[in-house]
Amino acid sequence: MPEIEVAPTEKHRSFALFGIPLQRIVVALLAVVALGIYAGVLLFGPNSLTVLLGLEEQRTTYERHIKILKTQNAALQKEYFELKQLEPEP
């Protein structure tokens, strides 16, 4: 029985750039774009680093304001008790 040789067909021709298959280049490019979008959301999204830094700055501002109010409150309480002792008791 004679053997039949099958000639290779060129239906599935693969393209390569710098020796890397084009399919791998596209997958790598999509991964880089996805990571870039993710990093952008982390830095500038609603739960981002900029929001965190803004909240920390706001917290320090409030803490300073609380210290000022506590100092004022202590002074006013002192004045109140001094005035209360000057009043005659009924």
C-alpha atoms as a PDB file:
ATOM      1  CA  MET A   1       0.000   0.000   0.000  1.00  0.00           C
ATOM      2  CA  PRO A   2       1.545   3.333  -1.014  1.00  0.00           C
ATOM      3  CA  GLU A   3       1.851   6.040   1.601  1.00  0.00           C
ATOM      4  CA  ILE A   4       0.119   9.308   0.912  1.00  0.00           C
ATOM      5  CA  GLU A   5       1.940  12.453   1.862  1.00  0.00           C
ATOM      6  CA  VAL A   6      -0.104  15.330   3.055  1.00  0.00           C
ATOM      7  CA  ALA A   7       1.286  18.735   2.248  1.00  0.00           C
ATOM      8  CA  PRO A   8       1.060  21.271   5.067  1.00  0.00           C
ATOM      9  CA  THR A   9      -1.556  23.891   4.499  1.00  0.00           C
ATOM     10  CA  GLU A  10      -1.095  27.535   5.336  1.00  0.00           C
ATOM     11  CA  LYS A  11      -4.516  28.068   6.887  1.00  0.00           C
ATOM     12  CA  HIS A  12      -3.130  28.670  10.360  1.00  0.00           C
ATOM     13  CA  ARG A  13      -0.357  31.092   9.732  1.00  0.00           C
ATOM     14  CA  SER A  14       0.850  32.757  12.933  1.00  0.00           C
ATOM     15  CA  PHE A  15       2.257  36.244  13.029  1.00  0.00           C
ATOM     16  CA  ALA A  16       5.159  37.177  15.247  1.00  0.00           C
ATOM     17  CA  LEU A  17       6.822  40.422  16.198  1.00  0.00           C
ATOM     18  CA  PHE A  18      10.415  40.207  17.437  1.00  0.00           C
ATOM     19  CA  GLY A  19       9.968  36.468  17.718  1.00  0.00           C
ATOM     20  CA  ILE A  20       6.992  36.784  20.064  1.00  0.00           C
ATOM     21  CA  PRO A  21       3.622  35.541  18.844  1.00  0.00           C
ATOM     22  CA  LEU A  22       1.143  38.358  18.223  1.00  0.00           C
ATOM     23  CA  GLN A  23      -1.411  36.706  20.507  1.00  0.00           C
ATOM     24  CA  ARG A  24       0.932  36.936  23.494  1.00  0.00           C
ATOM     25  CA  ILE A  25       1.697  40.572  22.720  1.00  0.00           C
ATOM     26  CA  VAL A  26      -2.020  41.400  22.690  1.00  0.00           C
ATOM     27  CA  VAL A  27      -2.599  39.570  25.989  1.00  0.00           C
ATOM     28  CA  ALA A  28       0.353  41.361  27.614  1.00  0.00           C
ATOM     29  CA  LEU A  29      -0.871  44.716  26.301  1.00  0.00           C
ATOM     30  CA  LEU A  30      -4.360  44.111  27.686  1.00  0.00           C
ATOM     31  CA  ALA A  31      -2.873  43.134  31.063  1.00  0.00           C
ATOM     32  CA  VAL A  32      -0.830  46.364  31.181  1.00  0.00           C
ATOM     33  CA  VAL A  33      -3.893  48.465  30.300  1.00  0.00           C
ATOM     34  CA  ALA A  34      -6.003  46.689  32.944  1.00  0.00           C
ATOM     35  CA  LEU A  35      -3.334  47.242  35.599  1.00  0.00           C
ATOM     36  CA  GLY A  36      -3.092  50.900  34.599  1.00  0.00           C
ATOM     37  CA  ILE A  37      -6.836  51.372  34.984  1.00  0.00           C
ATOM     38  CA  TYR A  38      -6.752  49.592  38.353  1.00  0.00           C
ATOM     39  CA  ALA A  39      -3.901  51.810  39.567  1.00  0.00           C
ATOM     40  CA  GLY A  40      -5.814  54.890  38.393  1.00  0.00           C
ATOM     41  CA  VAL A  41      -8.887  53.834  40.347  1.00  0.00           C
ATOM     42  CA  LEU A  42      -6.751  53.215  43.440  1.00  0.00           C
ATOM     43  CA  LEU A  43      -5.153  56.648  43.215  1.00  0.00           C
ATOM     44  CA  PHE A  44      -8.108  58.781  42.127  1.00  0.00           C
ATOM     45  CA  GLY A  45     -11.326  56.785  42.743  1.00  0.00           C
ATOM     46  CA  PRO A  46     -13.876  57.125  45.554  1.00  0.00           C
ATOM     47  CA  ASN A  47     -11.828  54.860  47.861  1.00  0.00           C
ATOM     48  CA  SER A  48      -8.510  56.269  46.816  1.00  0.00           C
ATOM     49  CA  LEU A  49      -5.282  57.478  48.288  1.00  0.00           C
ATOM     50  CA  THR A  50      -6.207  61.126  47.692  1.00  0.00           C
ATOM     51  CA  VAL A  51      -9.438  60.669  49.656  1.00  0.00           C
ATOM     52  CA  LEU A  52      -7.501  59.029  52.485  1.00  0.00           C
ATOM     53  CA  LEU A  53      -4.984  61.867  52.624  1.00  0.00           C
ATOM     54  CA  GLY A  54      -7.781  64.431  52.582  1.00  0.00           C
ATOM     55  CA  LEU A  55      -9.542  62.701  55.465  1.00  0.00           C
ATOM     56  CA  GLU A  56      -6.328  62.566  57.486  1.00  0.00           C
ATOM     57  CA  GLU A  57      -5.804  66.300  56.944  1.00  0.00           C
ATOM     58  CA  GLN A  58      -9.397  66.962  57.985  1.00  0.00           C
ATOM     59  CA  ARG A  59      -8.884  64.846  61.107  1.00  0.00           C
ATOM     60  CA  THR A  60      -5.813  66.842  62.176  1.00  0.00           C
ATOM     61  CA  THR A  61      -7.764  70.077  61.624  1.00  0.00           C
ATOM     62  CA  TYR A  62     -10.605  68.813  63.800  1.00  0.00           C
ATOM     63  CA  GLU A  63      -8.190  67.650  66.500  1.00  0.00           C
ATOM     64  CA  ARG A  64      -6.626  71.121  66.647  1.00  0.00           C
ATOM     65  CA  HIS A  65     -10.078  72.697  66.833  1.00  0.00           C
ATOM     66  CA  ILE A  66     -11.047  70.311  69.654  1.00  0.00           C
ATOM     67  CA  LYS A  67      -7.955  71.305  71.651  1.00  0.00           C
ATOM     68  CA  ILE A  68      -8.824  74.996  71.244  1.00  0.00           C
ATOM     69  CA  LEU A  69     -12.419  74.378  72.324  1.00  0.00           C
ATOM     70  CA  LYS A  70     -11.312  72.351  75.346  1.00  0.00           C
ATOM     71  CA  THR A  71      -9.013  75.181  76.424  1.00  0.00           C
ATOM     72  CA  GLN A  72     -11.821  77.722  76.008  1.00  0.00           C
ATOM     73  CA  ASN A  73     -14.215  75.443  77.877  1.00  0.00           C
ATOM     74  CA  ALA A  74     -11.814  75.093  80.797  1.00  0.00           C
ATOM     75  CA  ALA A  75     -11.398  78.871  81.002  1.00  0.00           C
ATOM     76  CA  LEU A  76     -15.166  79.437  80.874  1.00  0.00           C
ATOM     77  CA  GLN A  77     -15.813  76.768  83.515  1.00  0.00           C
ATOM     78  CA  LYS A  78     -13.234  78.405  85.781  1.00  0.00           C
ATOM     79  CA  GLU A  79     -14.907  81.772  85.305  1.00  0.00           C
ATOM     80  CA  TYR A  80     -18.353  80.223  85.901  1.00  0.00           C
ATOM     81  CA  PHE A  81     -17.319  78.614  89.182  1.00  0.00           C
ATOM     82  CA  GLU A  82     -15.626  81.824  90.340  1.00  0.00           C
ATOM     83  CA  LEU A  83     -18.801  83.784  89.602  1.00  0.00           C
ATOM     84  CA  LYS A  84     -20.955  81.157  91.258  1.00  0.00           C
ATOM     85  CA  GLN A  85     -18.967  81.411  94.497  1.00  0.00           C
ATOM     86  CA  LEU A  86     -19.507  85.182  94.547  1.00  0.00           C
ATOM     87  CA  GLU A  87     -23.287  84.772  94.517  1.00  0.00           C
ATOM     88  CA  PRO A  88     -24.975  84.575  97.921  1.00  0.00           C
ATOM     89  CA  GLU A  89     -26.480  81.245  98.790  1.00  0.00           C
ATOM     90  CA  PRO A  90     -30.252  81.280  99.349  1.00  0.00           C
END
